[in-house]
Amino acid sequence: MFAVIYRWQVVPGLEAQFEAGWRRGTERIAAEFGGWGSRLHKMGEGVFVAYAQWPDEDTWKKAMETRMHHSDDEARQQYLAAIVPGTFETLAKGEAVADLLELRRP
């Protein structure tokens, strides 16, 4: 498994718009590029971080070649309009060496 951590600064007041666009876009990326999904975290003050999983680095690189230009244009515009320009960054990426993350529901 290959994992990537992303960070964004979101325009104040547009957090819900960002979250909705991110969710729809992430679903399309999984369907169209083979991503294994992602978890989005709000860090406070409009900062969001996501942890995304991929089957391997090559699959992620192929998606990145297209800038993950999935088929849901409305979701992409919703997401992009909510981000402070120039604040998207990839914080880390690499192969997983251990996986103790489990989905737990209350």
PDB file of N, CA and C in Angstrom:
ATOM      1  N   MET A   1       0.830  -1.174   0.000  1.00  0.00           N
ATOM      2  CA  MET A   1       0.000   0.000   0.000  1.00  0.00           C
ATOM      3  C   MET A   1       0.879   1.243   0.000  1.00  0.00           C
ATOM      4  N   PHE A   2       0.423   2.257  -0.725  1.00  0.00           N
ATOM      5  CA  PHE A   2       1.113   3.537  -0.818  1.00  0.00           C
ATOM      6  C   PHE A   2       0.198   4.586  -0.198  1.00  0.00           C
ATOM      7  N   ALA A   3       0.738   5.458   0.629  1.00  0.00           N
ATOM      8  CA  ALA A   3      -0.061   6.478   1.310  1.00  0.00           C
ATOM      9  C   ALA A   3       0.480   7.866   1.011  1.00  0.00           C
ATOM     10  N   VAL A   4      -0.430   8.828   0.951  1.00  0.00           N
ATOM     11  CA  VAL A   4      -0.074  10.218   0.686  1.00  0.00           C
ATOM     12  C   VAL A   4      -0.844  11.100   1.672  1.00  0.00           C
ATOM     13  N   ILE A   5      -0.178  12.126   2.206  1.00  0.00           N
ATOM     14  CA  ILE A   5      -0.823  13.065   3.106  1.00  0.00           C
ATOM     15  C   ILE A   5      -0.816  14.443   2.445  1.00  0.00           C
ATOM     16  N   TYR A   6      -2.008  15.035   2.349  1.00  0.00           N
ATOM     17  CA  TYR A   6      -2.189  16.344   1.713  1.00  0.00           C
ATOM     18  C   TYR A   6      -2.654  17.370   2.748  1.00  0.00           C
ATOM     19  N   ARG A   7      -2.418  18.647   2.445  1.00  0.00           N
ATOM     20  CA  ARG A   7      -2.848  19.739   3.322  1.00  0.00           C
ATOM     21  C   ARG A   7      -3.420  20.871   2.475  1.00  0.00           C
ATOM     22  N   TRP A   8      -4.506  21.504   2.983  1.00  0.00           N
ATOM     23  CA  TRP A   8      -5.123  22.652   2.328  1.00  0.00           C
ATOM     24  C   TRP A   8      -5.473  23.708   3.361  1.00  0.00           C
ATOM     25  N   GLN A   9      -5.484  24.951   2.932  1.00  0.00           N
ATOM     26  CA  GLN A   9      -6.063  26.047   3.710  1.00  0.00           C
ATOM     27  C   GLN A   9      -7.347  26.412   2.981  1.00  0.00           C
ATOM     28  N   VAL A  10      -8.450  26.441   3.704  1.00  0.00           N
ATOM     29  CA  VAL A  10      -9.756  26.689   3.102  1.00  0.00           C
ATOM     30  C   VAL A  10     -10.227  28.108   3.447  1.00  0.00           C
ATOM     31  N   VAL A  11     -10.854  28.740   2.477  1.00  0.00           N
ATOM     32  CA  VAL A  11     -11.398  30.093   2.654  1.00  0.00           C
ATOM     33  C   VAL A  11     -12.413  30.066   3.803  1.00  0.00           C
ATOM     34  N   PRO A  12     -12.299  30.999   4.756  1.00  0.00           N
ATOM     35  CA  PRO A  12     -13.253  31.032   5.869  1.00  0.00           C
ATOM     36  C   PRO A  12     -14.691  31.082   5.359  1.00  0.00           C
ATOM     37  N   GLY A  13     -15.534  30.246   5.946  1.00  0.00           N
ATOM     38  CA  GLY A  13     -16.934  30.183   5.561  1.00  0.00           C
ATOM     39  C   GLY A  13     -17.241  29.188   4.455  1.00  0.00           C
ATOM     40  N   LEU A  14     -16.205  28.643   3.803  1.00  0.00           N
ATOM     41  CA  LEU A  14     -16.418  27.701   2.700  1.00  0.00           C
ATOM     42  C   LEU A  14     -16.031  26.267   3.074  1.00  0.00           C
ATOM     43  N   GLU A  15     -15.927  25.994   4.370  1.00  0.00           N
ATOM     44  CA  GLU A  15     -15.525  24.662   4.816  1.00  0.00           C
ATOM     45  C   GLU A  15     -16.487  23.568   4.346  1.00  0.00           C
ATOM     46  N   ALA A  16     -17.788  23.788   4.491  1.00  0.00           N
ATOM     47  CA  ALA A  16     -18.767  22.780   4.069  1.00  0.00           C
ATOM     48  C   ALA A  16     -18.697  22.545   2.562  1.00  0.00           C
ATOM     49  N   GLN A  17     -18.500  23.604   1.801  1.00  0.00           N
ATOM     50  CA  GLN A  17     -18.365  23.486   0.343  1.00  0.00           C
ATOM     51  C   GLN A  17     -17.132  22.650  -0.003  1.00  0.00           C
ATOM     52  N   PHE A  18     -16.022  22.937   0.668  1.00  0.00           N
ATOM     53  CA  PHE A  18     -14.799  22.178   0.442  1.00  0.00           C
ATOM     54  C   PHE A  18     -15.014  20.702   0.764  1.00  0.00           C
ATOM     55  N   GLU A  19     -15.591  20.429   1.911  1.00  0.00           N
ATOM     56  CA  GLU A  19     -15.809  19.042   2.331  1.00  0.00           C
ATOM     57  C   GLU A  19     -16.687  18.292   1.334  1.00  0.00           C
ATOM     58  N   ALA A  20     -17.740  18.930   0.845  1.00  0.00           N
ATOM     59  CA  ALA A  20     -18.629  18.281  -0.118  1.00  0.00           C
ATOM     60  C   ALA A  20     -17.909  18.005  -1.434  1.00  0.00           C
ATOM     61  N   GLY A  21     -17.158  18.979  -1.937  1.00  0.00           N
ATOM     62  CA  GLY A  21     -16.410  18.784  -3.177  1.00  0.00           C
ATOM     63  C   GLY A  21     -15.318  17.741  -3.019  1.00  0.00           C
ATOM     64  N   TRP A  22     -14.639  17.768  -1.875  1.00  0.00           N
ATOM     65  CA  TRP A  22     -13.589  16.776  -1.600  1.00  0.00           C
ATOM     66  C   TRP A  22     -14.177  15.370  -1.590  1.00  0.00           C
ATOM     67  N   ARG A  23     -15.309  15.201  -0.918  1.00  0.00           N
ATOM     68  CA  ARG A  23     -15.946  13.877  -0.824  1.00  0.00           C
ATOM     69  C   ARG A  23     -16.307  13.338  -2.215  1.00  0.00           C
ATOM     70  N   ARG A  24     -16.993  14.157  -2.995  1.00  0.00           N
ATOM     71  CA  ARG A  24     -17.391  13.715  -4.338  1.00  0.00           C
ATOM     72  C   ARG A  24     -16.173  13.449  -5.212  1.00  0.00           C
ATOM     73  N   GLY A  25     -15.177  14.328  -5.136  1.00  0.00           N
ATOM     74  CA  GLY A  25     -13.965  14.138  -5.927  1.00  0.00           C
ATOM     75  C   GLY A  25     -13.214  12.882  -5.529  1.00  0.00           C
ATOM     76  N   THR A  26     -13.124  12.629  -4.243  1.00  0.00           N
ATOM     77  CA  THR A  26     -12.426  11.433  -3.762  1.00  0.00           C
ATOM     78  C   THR A  26     -13.138  10.166  -4.230  1.00  0.00           C
ATOM     79  N   GLU A  27     -14.467  10.183  -4.231  1.00  0.00           N
ATOM     80  CA  GLU A  27     -15.219   9.036  -4.739  1.00  0.00           C
ATOM     81  C   GLU A  27     -14.933   8.796  -6.215  1.00  0.00           C
ATOM     82  N   ARG A  28     -14.835   9.864  -7.014  1.00  0.00           N
ATOM     83  CA  ARG A  28     -14.546   9.728  -8.444  1.00  0.00           C
ATOM     84  C   ARG A  28     -13.108   9.241  -8.658  1.00  0.00           C
ATOM     85  N   ILE A  29     -12.177   9.763  -7.861  1.00  0.00           N
ATOM     86  CA  ILE A  29     -10.774   9.337  -7.977  1.00  0.00           C
ATOM     87  C   ILE A  29     -10.665   7.841  -7.705  1.00  0.00           C
ATOM     88  N   ALA A  30     -11.376   7.354  -6.707  1.00  0.00           N
ATOM     89  CA  ALA A  30     -11.355   5.917  -6.411  1.00  0.00           C
ATOM     90  C   ALA A  30     -11.902   5.122  -7.593  1.00  0.00           C
ATOM     91  N   ALA A  31     -13.013   5.579  -8.137  1.00  0.00           N
ATOM     92  CA  ALA A  31     -13.657   4.855  -9.240  1.00  0.00           C
ATOM     93  C   ALA A  31     -12.859   4.925 -10.537  1.00  0.00           C
ATOM     94  N   GLU A  32     -12.253   6.066 -10.818  1.00  0.00           N
ATOM     95  CA  GLU A  32     -11.628   6.275 -12.119  1.00  0.00           C
ATOM     96  C   GLU A  32     -10.122   6.030 -12.150  1.00  0.00           C
ATOM     97  N   PHE A  33      -9.453   6.170 -11.009  1.00  0.00           N
ATOM     98  CA  PHE A  33      -7.998   6.048 -10.991  1.00  0.00           C
ATOM     99  C   PHE A  33      -7.482   4.926 -10.099  1.00  0.00           C
ATOM    100  N   GLY A  34      -8.373   4.249  -9.370  1.00  0.00           N
ATOM    101  CA  GLY A  34      -7.944   3.128  -8.556  1.00  0.00           C
ATOM    102  C   GLY A  34      -7.478   3.481  -7.158  1.00  0.00           C
ATOM    103  N   GLY A  35      -7.780   4.703  -6.705  1.00  0.00           N
ATOM    104  CA  GLY A  35      -7.438   5.056  -5.331  1.00  0.00           C
ATOM    105  C   GLY A  35      -8.231   4.205  -4.353  1.00  0.00           C
ATOM    106  N   TRP A  36      -7.713   4.034  -3.164  1.00  0.00           N
ATOM    107  CA  TRP A  36      -8.379   3.215  -2.144  1.00  0.00           C
ATOM    108  C   TRP A  36      -9.138   4.051  -1.133  1.00  0.00           C
ATOM    109  N   GLY A  37      -9.304   5.320  -1.398  1.00  0.00           N
ATOM    110  CA  GLY A  37     -10.060   6.179  -0.504  1.00  0.00           C
ATOM    111  C   GLY A  37      -9.167   7.066   0.339  1.00  0.00           C
ATOM    112  N   SER A  38      -9.808   7.842   1.191  1.00  0.00           N
ATOM    113  CA  SER A  38      -9.093   8.847   1.951  1.00  0.00           C
ATOM    114  C   SER A  38      -9.874   9.205   3.201  1.00  0.00           C
ATOM    115  N   ARG A  39      -9.188   9.783   4.154  1.00  0.00           N
ATOM    116  CA  ARG A  39      -9.818  10.335   5.350  1.00  0.00           C
ATOM    117  C   ARG A  39      -9.450  11.801   5.426  1.00  0.00           C
ATOM    118  N   LEU A  40     -10.463  12.637   5.663  1.00  0.00           N
ATOM    119  CA  LEU A  40     -10.256  14.080   5.746  1.00  0.00           C
ATOM    120  C   LEU A  40     -10.339  14.507   7.208  1.00  0.00           C
ATOM    121  N   HIS A  41      -9.396  15.339   7.626  1.00  0.00           N
ATOM    122  CA  HIS A  41      -9.344  15.815   9.007  1.00  0.00           C
ATOM    123  C   HIS A  41      -9.313  17.333   9.020  1.00  0.00           C
ATOM    124  N   LYS A  42     -10.127  17.934   9.890  1.00  0.00           N
ATOM    125  CA  LYS A  42     -10.093  19.378  10.081  1.00  0.00           C
ATOM    126  C   LYS A  42      -9.155  19.655  11.242  1.00  0.00           C
ATOM    127  N   MET A  43      -8.133  20.469  10.974  1.00  0.00           N
ATOM    128  CA  MET A  43      -7.102  20.721  11.966  1.00  0.00           C
ATOM    129  C   MET A  43      -7.328  22.034  12.722  1.00  0.00           C
ATOM    130  N   GLY A  44      -8.324  22.799  12.317  1.00  0.00           N
ATOM    131  CA  GLY A  44      -8.607  24.084  12.947  1.00  0.00           C
ATOM    132  C   GLY A  44      -8.179  25.229  12.059  1.00  0.00           C
ATOM    133  N   GLU A  45      -8.793  26.405  12.278  1.00  0.00           N
ATOM    134  CA  GLU A  45      -8.443  27.630  11.535  1.00  0.00           C
ATOM    135  C   GLU A  45      -8.450  27.418  10.021  1.00  0.00           C
ATOM    136  N   GLY A  46      -9.369  26.598   9.511  1.00  0.00           N
ATOM    137  CA  GLY A  46      -9.495  26.394   8.072  1.00  0.00           C
ATOM    138  C   GLY A  46      -8.469  25.467   7.453  1.00  0.00           C
ATOM    139  N   VAL A  47      -7.681  24.805   8.272  1.00  0.00           N
ATOM    140  CA  VAL A  47      -6.666  23.874   7.771  1.00  0.00           C
ATOM    141  C   VAL A  47      -7.251  22.465   7.745  1.00  0.00           C
ATOM    142  N   PHE A  48      -7.129  21.813   6.596  1.00  0.00           N
ATOM    143  CA  PHE A  48      -7.580  20.436   6.428  1.00  0.00           C
ATOM    144  C   PHE A  48      -6.395  19.579   5.985  1.00  0.00           C
ATOM    145  N   VAL A  49      -6.386  18.348   6.470  1.00  0.00           N
ATOM    146  CA  VAL A  49      -5.362  17.373   6.100  1.00  0.00           C
ATOM    147  C   VAL A  49      -6.090  16.092   5.700  1.00  0.00           C
ATOM    148  N   ALA A  50      -5.631  15.446   4.647  1.00  0.00           N
ATOM    149  CA  ALA A  50      -6.213  14.173   4.223  1.00  0.00           C
ATOM    150  C   ALA A  50      -5.121  13.127   4.087  1.00  0.00           C
ATOM    151  N   TYR A  51      -5.476  11.931   4.469  1.00  0.00           N
ATOM    152  CA  TYR A  51      -4.618  10.758   4.335  1.00  0.00           C
ATOM    153  C   TYR A  51      -5.261   9.889   3.268  1.00  0.00           C
ATOM    154  N   ALA A  52      -4.575   9.681   2.143  1.00  0.00           N
ATOM    155  CA  ALA A  52      -5.118   8.896   1.038  1.00  0.00           C
ATOM    156  C   ALA A  52      -4.306   7.618   0.852  1.00  0.00           C
ATOM    157  N   GLN A  53      -5.002   6.541   0.510  1.00  0.00           N
ATOM    158  CA  GLN A  53      -4.340   5.258   0.275  1.00  0.00           C
ATOM    159  C   GLN A  53      -4.482   4.852  -1.193  1.00  0.00           C
ATOM    160  N   TRP A  54      -3.424   4.240  -1.687  1.00  0.00           N
ATOM    161  CA  TRP A  54      -3.354   3.753  -3.060  1.00  0.00           C
ATOM    162  C   TRP A  54      -2.784   2.348  -3.037  1.00  0.00           C
ATOM    163  N   PRO A  55      -3.093   1.534  -4.034  1.00  0.00           N
ATOM    164  CA  PRO A  55      -2.538   0.180  -4.036  1.00  0.00           C
ATOM    165  C   PRO A  55      -1.010   0.170  -4.159  1.00  0.00           C
ATOM    166  N   ASP A  56      -0.477   1.162  -4.892  1.00  0.00           N
ATOM    167  CA  ASP A  56       0.976   1.252  -5.078  1.00  0.00           C
ATOM    168  C   ASP A  56       1.328   2.632  -5.625  1.00  0.00           C
ATOM    169  N   GLU A  57       2.603   2.948  -5.631  1.00  0.00           N
ATOM    170  CA  GLU A  57       3.053   4.263  -6.078  1.00  0.00           C
ATOM    171  C   GLU A  57       2.766   4.499  -7.559  1.00  0.00           C
ATOM    172  N   ASP A  58       2.906   3.473  -8.386  1.00  0.00           N
ATOM    173  CA  ASP A  58       2.656   3.647  -9.822  1.00  0.00           C
ATOM    174  C   ASP A  58       1.217   4.077 -10.108  1.00  0.00           C
ATOM    175  N   THR A  59       0.258   3.494  -9.397  1.00  0.00           N
ATOM    176  CA  THR A  59      -1.144   3.872  -9.583  1.00  0.00           C
ATOM    177  C   THR A  59      -1.346   5.333  -9.213  1.00  0.00           C
ATOM    178  N   TRP A  60      -0.747   5.766  -8.111  1.00  0.00           N
ATOM    179  CA  TRP A  60      -0.838   7.168  -7.694  1.00  0.00           C
ATOM    180  C   TRP A  60      -0.186   8.084  -8.735  1.00  0.00           C
ATOM    181  N   LYS A  61       1.006   7.712  -9.220  1.00  0.00           N
ATOM    182  CA  LYS A  61       1.701   8.542 -10.205  1.00  0.00           C
ATOM    183  C   LYS A  61       0.890   8.703 -11.484  1.00  0.00           C
ATOM    184  N   LYS A  62       0.241   7.630 -11.936  1.00  0.00           N
ATOM    185  CA  LYS A  62      -0.590   7.717 -13.140  1.00  0.00           C
ATOM    186  C   LYS A  62      -1.748   8.687 -12.923  1.00  0.00           C
ATOM    187  N   ALA A  63      -2.347   8.647 -11.740  1.00  0.00           N
ATOM    188  CA  ALA A  63      -3.425   9.594 -11.431  1.00  0.00           C
ATOM    189  C   ALA A  63      -2.886  11.018 -11.393  1.00  0.00           C
ATOM    190  N   MET A  64      -1.702  11.198 -10.829  1.00  0.00           N
ATOM    191  CA  MET A  64      -1.103  12.533 -10.735  1.00  0.00           C
ATOM    192  C   MET A  64      -0.744  13.096 -12.108  1.00  0.00           C
ATOM    193  N   GLU A  65      -0.430  12.232 -13.068  1.00  0.00           N
ATOM    194  CA  GLU A  65      -0.119  12.701 -14.429  1.00  0.00           C
ATOM    195  C   GLU A  65      -1.299  13.470 -15.019  1.00  0.00           C
ATOM    196  N   THR A  66      -2.499  13.120 -14.622  1.00  0.00           N
ATOM    197  CA  THR A  66      -3.693  13.808 -15.110  1.00  0.00           C
ATOM    198  C   THR A  66      -4.152  14.876 -14.117  1.00  0.00           C
ATOM    199  N   ARG A  67      -3.368  15.079 -13.067  1.00  0.00           N
ATOM    200  CA  ARG A  67      -3.728  15.977 -11.958  1.00  0.00           C
ATOM    201  C   ARG A  67      -5.042  15.530 -11.337  1.00  0.00           C
ATOM    202  N   MET A  68      -5.278  14.197 -11.411  1.00  0.00           N
ATOM    203  CA  MET A  68      -6.497  13.571 -10.885  1.00  0.00           C
ATOM    204  C   MET A  68      -7.740  14.249 -11.443  1.00  0.00           C
ATOM    205  N   HIS A  69      -7.690  14.548 -12.728  1.00  0.00           N
ATOM    206  CA  HIS A  69      -8.794  15.232 -13.402  1.00  0.00           C
ATOM    207  C   HIS A  69      -9.923  14.234 -13.653  1.00  0.00           C
ATOM    208  N   HIS A  70     -10.731  13.999 -12.634  1.00  0.00           N
ATOM    209  CA  HIS A  70     -11.840  13.051 -12.701  1.00  0.00           C
ATOM    210  C   HIS A  70     -13.017  13.654 -13.463  1.00  0.00           C
ATOM    211  N   SER A  71     -14.070  12.875 -13.625  1.00  0.00           N
ATOM    212  CA  SER A  71     -15.196  13.266 -14.477  1.00  0.00           C
ATOM    213  C   SER A  71     -16.222  14.183 -13.820  1.00  0.00           C
ATOM    214  N   ASP A  72     -16.123  14.426 -12.517  1.00  0.00           N
ATOM    215  CA  ASP A  72     -17.119  15.267 -11.845  1.00  0.00           C
ATOM    216  C   ASP A  72     -16.626  16.718 -11.796  1.00  0.00           C
ATOM    217  N   ASP A  73     -16.862  17.436 -12.878  1.00  0.00           N
ATOM    218  CA  ASP A  73     -16.401  18.829 -12.986  1.00  0.00           C
ATOM    219  C   ASP A  73     -17.023  19.728 -11.925  1.00  0.00           C
ATOM    220  N   GLU A  74     -18.276  19.494 -11.590  1.00  0.00           N
ATOM    221  CA  GLU A  74     -18.946  20.318 -10.586  1.00  0.00           C
ATOM    222  C   GLU A  74     -18.267  20.155  -9.216  1.00  0.00           C
ATOM    223  N   ALA A  75     -17.937  18.939  -8.857  1.00  0.00           N
ATOM    224  CA  ALA A  75     -17.249  18.699  -7.577  1.00  0.00           C
ATOM    225  C   ALA A  75     -15.882  19.371  -7.573  1.00  0.00           C
ATOM    226  N   ARG A  76     -15.165  19.279  -8.689  1.00  0.00           N
ATOM    227  CA  ARG A  76     -13.833  19.887  -8.778  1.00  0.00           C
ATOM    228  C   ARG A  76     -13.920  21.402  -8.590  1.00  0.00           C
ATOM    229  N   GLN A  77     -14.891  22.040  -9.238  1.00  0.00           N
ATOM    230  CA  GLN A  77     -15.048  23.484  -9.106  1.00  0.00           C
ATOM    231  C   GLN A  77     -15.458  23.870  -7.679  1.00  0.00           C
ATOM    232  N   GLN A  78     -16.314  23.067  -7.092  1.00  0.00           N
ATOM    233  CA  GLN A  78     -16.760  23.308  -5.716  1.00  0.00           C
ATOM    234  C   GLN A  78     -15.562  23.267  -4.762  1.00  0.00           C
ATOM    235  N   TYR A  79     -14.735  22.278  -4.937  1.00  0.00           N
ATOM    236  CA  TYR A  79     -13.549  22.064  -4.102  1.00  0.00           C
ATOM    237  C   TYR A  79     -12.497  23.162  -4.332  1.00  0.00           C
ATOM    238  N   LEU A  80     -12.187  23.430  -5.589  1.00  0.00           N
ATOM    239  CA  LEU A  80     -11.149  24.410  -5.909  1.00  0.00           C
ATOM    240  C   LEU A  80     -11.530  25.825  -5.477  1.00  0.00           C
ATOM    241  N   ALA A  81     -12.798  26.180  -5.614  1.00  0.00           N
ATOM    242  CA  ALA A  81     -13.241  27.520  -5.244  1.00  0.00           C
ATOM    243  C   ALA A  81     -13.154  27.763  -3.734  1.00  0.00           C
ATOM    244  N   ALA A  82     -13.088  26.689  -2.958  1.00  0.00           N
ATOM    245  CA  ALA A  82     -13.049  26.815  -1.504  1.00  0.00           C
ATOM    246  C   ALA A  82     -11.628  26.857  -0.938  1.00  0.00           C
ATOM    247  N   ILE A  83     -10.630  26.623  -1.768  1.00  0.00           N
ATOM    248  CA  ILE A  83      -9.240  26.567  -1.298  1.00  0.00           C
ATOM    249  C   ILE A  83      -8.565  27.933  -1.464  1.00  0.00           C
ATOM    250  N   VAL A  84      -7.825  28.345  -0.459  1.00  0.00           N
ATOM    251  CA  VAL A  84      -7.008  29.551  -0.568  1.00  0.00           C
ATOM    252  C   VAL A  84      -5.937  29.260  -1.623  1.00  0.00           C
ATOM    253  N   PRO A  85      -5.838  30.071  -2.678  1.00  0.00           N
ATOM    254  CA  PRO A  85      -4.872  29.799  -3.754  1.00  0.00           C
ATOM    255  C   PRO A  85      -3.448  29.604  -3.223  1.00  0.00           C
ATOM    256  N   GLY A  86      -2.791  28.599  -3.768  1.00  0.00           N
ATOM    257  CA  GLY A  86      -1.396  28.338  -3.432  1.00  0.00           C
ATOM    258  C   GLY A  86      -1.164  27.610  -2.121  1.00  0.00           C
ATOM    259  N   THR A  87      -2.234  27.134  -1.472  1.00  0.00           N
ATOM    260  CA  THR A  87      -2.040  26.501  -0.163  1.00  0.00           C
ATOM    261  C   THR A  87      -2.095  24.983  -0.186  1.00  0.00           C
ATOM    262  N   PHE A  88      -2.458  24.380  -1.311  1.00  0.00           N
ATOM    263  CA  PHE A  88      -2.459  22.917  -1.380  1.00  0.00           C
ATOM    264  C   PHE A  88      -1.027  22.415  -1.389  1.00  0.00           C
ATOM    265  N   GLU A  89      -0.750  21.391  -0.581  1.00  0.00           N
ATOM    266  CA  GLU A  89       0.585  20.789  -0.607  1.00  0.00           C
ATOM    267  C   GLU A  89       0.521  19.317  -0.247  1.00  0.00           C
ATOM    268  N   THR A  90       1.475  18.572  -0.773  1.00  0.00           N
ATOM    269  CA  THR A  90       1.663  17.184  -0.397  1.00  0.00           C
ATOM    270  C   THR A  90       2.683  17.179   0.730  1.00  0.00           C
ATOM    271  N   LEU A  91       2.265  16.738   1.914  1.00  0.00           N
ATOM    272  CA  LEU A  91       3.153  16.757   3.076  1.00  0.00           C
ATOM    273  C   LEU A  91       4.076  15.551   3.125  1.00  0.00           C
ATOM    274  N   ALA A  92       3.564  14.384   2.712  1.00  0.00           N
ATOM    275  CA  ALA A  92       4.367  13.160   2.792  1.00  0.00           C
ATOM    276  C   ALA A  92       3.778  12.103   1.875  1.00  0.00           C
ATOM    277  N   LYS A  93       4.618  11.185   1.448  1.00  0.00           N
ATOM    278  CA  LYS A  93       4.155  10.048   0.649  1.00  0.00           C
ATOM    279  C   LYS A  93       5.142   8.912   0.824  1.00  0.00           C
ATOM    280  N   GLY A  94       4.638   7.675   0.785  1.00  0.00           N
ATOM    281  CA  GLY A  94       5.532   6.538   0.914  1.00  0.00           C
ATOM    282  C   GLY A  94       4.789   5.232   1.103  1.00  0.00           C
ATOM    283  N   GLU A  95       5.541   4.158   1.041  1.00  0.00           N
ATOM    284  CA  GLU A  95       5.005   2.810   1.216  1.00  0.00           C
ATOM    285  C   GLU A  95       4.684   2.562   2.682  1.00  0.00           C
ATOM    286  N   ALA A  96       3.548   1.940   2.934  1.00  0.00           N
ATOM    287  CA  ALA A  96       3.191   1.564   4.305  1.00  0.00           C
ATOM    288  C   ALA A  96       4.028   0.353   4.702  1.00  0.00           C
ATOM    289  N   VAL A  97       4.548   0.383   5.909  1.00  0.00           N
ATOM    290  CA  VAL A  97       5.329  -0.756   6.414  1.00  0.00           C
ATOM    291  C   VAL A  97       4.579  -1.495   7.519  1.00  0.00           C
ATOM    292  N   ALA A  98       3.528  -0.887   8.051  1.00  0.00           N
ATOM    293  CA  ALA A  98       2.655  -1.527   9.031  1.00  0.00           C
ATOM    294  C   ALA A  98       1.299  -0.843   8.951  1.00  0.00           C
ATOM    295  N   ASP A  99       0.237  -1.599   9.189  1.00  0.00           N
ATOM    296  CA  ASP A  99      -1.113  -1.043   9.094  1.00  0.00           C
ATOM    297  C   ASP A  99      -1.938  -1.516  10.290  1.00  0.00           C
ATOM    298  N   LEU A 100      -2.158  -0.617  11.228  1.00  0.00           N
ATOM    299  CA  LEU A 100      -2.963  -0.927  12.402  1.00  0.00           C
ATOM    300  C   LEU A 100      -4.227  -0.079  12.452  1.00  0.00           C
ATOM    301  N   LEU A 101      -4.557   0.565  11.341  1.00  0.00           N
ATOM    302  CA  LEU A 101      -5.741   1.415  11.262  1.00  0.00           C
ATOM    303  C   LEU A 101      -6.956   0.543  10.936  1.00  0.00           C
ATOM    304  N   GLU A 102      -7.978   0.611  11.779  1.00  0.00           N
ATOM    305  CA  GLU A 102      -9.194  -0.156  11.570  1.00  0.00           C
ATOM    306  C   GLU A 102     -10.382   0.770  11.604  1.00  0.00           C
ATOM    307  N   LEU A 103     -11.386   0.448  10.805  1.00  0.00           N
ATOM    308  CA  LEU A 103     -12.618   1.218  10.822  1.00  0.00           C
ATOM    309  C   LEU A 103     -13.429   0.787  12.033  1.00  0.00           C
ATOM    310  N   ARG A 104     -13.712   1.729  12.898  1.00  0.00           N
ATOM    311  CA  ARG A 104     -14.496   1.440  14.100  1.00  0.00           C
ATOM    312  C   ARG A 104     -15.678   2.389  14.155  1.00  0.00           C
ATOM    313  N   ARG A 105     -16.806   1.858  14.467  1.00  0.00           N
ATOM    314  CA  ARG A 105     -18.016   2.677  14.567  1.00  0.00           C
ATOM    315  C   ARG A 105     -18.525   2.597  16.002  1.00  0.00           C
ATOM    316  N   PRO A 106     -18.964   3.735  16.542  1.00  0.00           N
ATOM    317  CA  PRO A 106     -19.492   3.740  17.915  1.00  0.00           C
ATOM    318  C   PRO A 106     -20.754   2.910  18.044  1.00  0.00           C
TER     319      PRO A 106
END
